[in-house]
Structures are given as structure tokens and as C-alpha cells.
Amino acid sequence: MGAATLKEIATNGGLMVATFGWLAPLVGLLAALLSAVIAVKWMVGYVTKHGLAVFGYYRIVLALVVGAWLLLGG
């Protein structure tokens, strides 16, 4: 994601600044950074306390639902 963002800035950065100014992209960057930090902190805390079992069960149930959907002509 970081490399794709840097490439996008390198190729279209001037157009983005000309269209939106500096404030909107900066606010978007800060909002994305803050939400990512909060999400990672929460996820690490959850996995530390509860383990990965719930994610394994989720994947099994999801596979069964998608498999049934595909078999029934989804």
C-alpha cells in the first residue's frame, strides 16, 4: 500500500494538490493513519487475550456458506 501510494503521489501528486489543495489529502492521510493505529492496537490486544480460534471458526463457517451457495447455483 505504501509503495502504491508513493507511486500515485509521484505520478498524480500535482494534480491532486491542484484539485483539492493540501488540506484535504493531509486530513485523509492523518485519518487513515489514526484508524490504522487504533485497528492494529485493538486486534493485537484481542488476539493476545482470546487467541486466533474465533477467526478459524469464522473461516470454516464462511467456507461452508460459500460452498453451499456455489453448489446451489449461486
Protein backbone atom coordinates (compact mmCIF):
# COMPACT_ATOMS: atom_id res chain seq x y z
CA MET A 1 0.00 0.00 0.00
CA GLY A 2 2.80 2.38 0.85
CA ALA A 3 4.59 1.80 -2.45
CA ALA A 4 1.35 2.21 -4.41
CA THR A 5 0.63 5.45 -2.57
CA LEU A 6 4.11 6.79 -3.27
CA LYS A 7 3.75 5.90 -6.96
CA GLU A 8 0.37 7.64 -7.10
CA ILE A 9 1.81 10.75 -5.45
CA ALA A 10 4.75 10.74 -7.85
CA THR A 11 2.54 10.46 -10.92
CA ASN A 12 -0.55 12.45 -9.89
CA GLY A 13 0.53 14.43 -6.83
CA GLY A 14 0.50 17.77 -8.61
CA LEU A 15 -2.99 17.17 -9.96
CA MET A 16 -4.27 16.14 -6.53
CA VAL A 17 -2.88 19.28 -4.92
CA ALA A 18 -4.22 21.45 -7.73
CA THR A 19 -7.67 19.87 -7.41
CA PHE A 20 -8.03 19.50 -3.64
CA GLY A 21 -5.32 21.72 -2.15
CA TRP A 22 -3.02 20.48 0.62
CA LEU A 23 -5.53 20.28 3.45
CA ALA A 24 -7.90 17.53 2.20
CA PRO A 25 -5.16 14.97 1.35
CA LEU A 26 -3.37 15.76 4.63
CA VAL A 27 -6.57 15.25 6.65
CA GLY A 28 -7.21 11.99 4.77
CA LEU A 29 -3.68 10.80 5.48
CA LEU A 30 -3.97 11.58 9.18
CA ALA A 31 -7.41 9.93 9.44
CA ALA A 32 -6.11 6.79 7.73
CA LEU A 33 -3.05 6.70 9.99
CA LEU A 34 -5.10 7.14 13.15
CA SER A 35 -7.67 4.50 12.19
CA ALA A 36 -4.91 2.04 11.25
CA VAL A 37 -3.13 2.52 14.59
CA ILE A 38 -6.38 2.04 16.51
CA ALA A 39 -7.33 -1.06 14.49
CA VAL A 40 -3.92 -2.70 14.90
CA LYS A 41 -3.81 -1.95 18.64
CA TRP A 42 -7.28 -3.42 19.12
CA MET A 43 -6.52 -6.51 17.03
CA VAL A 44 -3.24 -7.26 18.83
CA GLY A 45 -4.97 -6.86 22.19
CA TYR A 46 -7.85 -9.11 21.15
CA VAL A 47 -5.58 -11.84 19.78
CA THR A 48 -3.40 -11.67 22.89
CA LYS A 49 -6.40 -12.24 25.17
CA HIS A 50 -8.53 -14.59 23.07
CA GLY A 51 -6.24 -16.29 20.55
CA LEU A 52 -6.99 -17.00 16.90
CA ALA A 53 -9.65 -19.71 17.37
CA VAL A 54 -12.59 -17.39 16.63
CA PHE A 55 -11.03 -16.48 13.27
CA GLY A 56 -10.59 -20.15 12.44
CA TYR A 57 -14.26 -20.85 13.19
CA TYR A 58 -15.27 -17.83 11.13
CA ARG A 59 -13.29 -19.11 8.14
CA ILE A 60 -14.84 -22.60 8.40
CA VAL A 61 -18.38 -21.20 8.57
CA LEU A 62 -17.67 -18.82 5.70
CA ALA A 63 -16.28 -21.68 3.57
CA LEU A 64 -19.38 -23.76 4.25
CA VAL A 65 -21.71 -20.89 3.33
CA VAL A 66 -19.82 -20.05 0.13
CA GLY A 67 -19.56 -23.73 -0.81
CA ALA A 68 -23.30 -24.24 -0.32
CA TRP A 69 -24.04 -21.08 -2.30
CA LEU A 70 -21.86 -22.28 -5.20
CA LEU A 71 -23.34 -25.79 -5.16
CA LEU A 72 -26.90 -24.44 -5.20
CA GLY A 73 -26.27 -22.36 -8.29
CA GLY A 74 -25.22 -19.06 -6.72
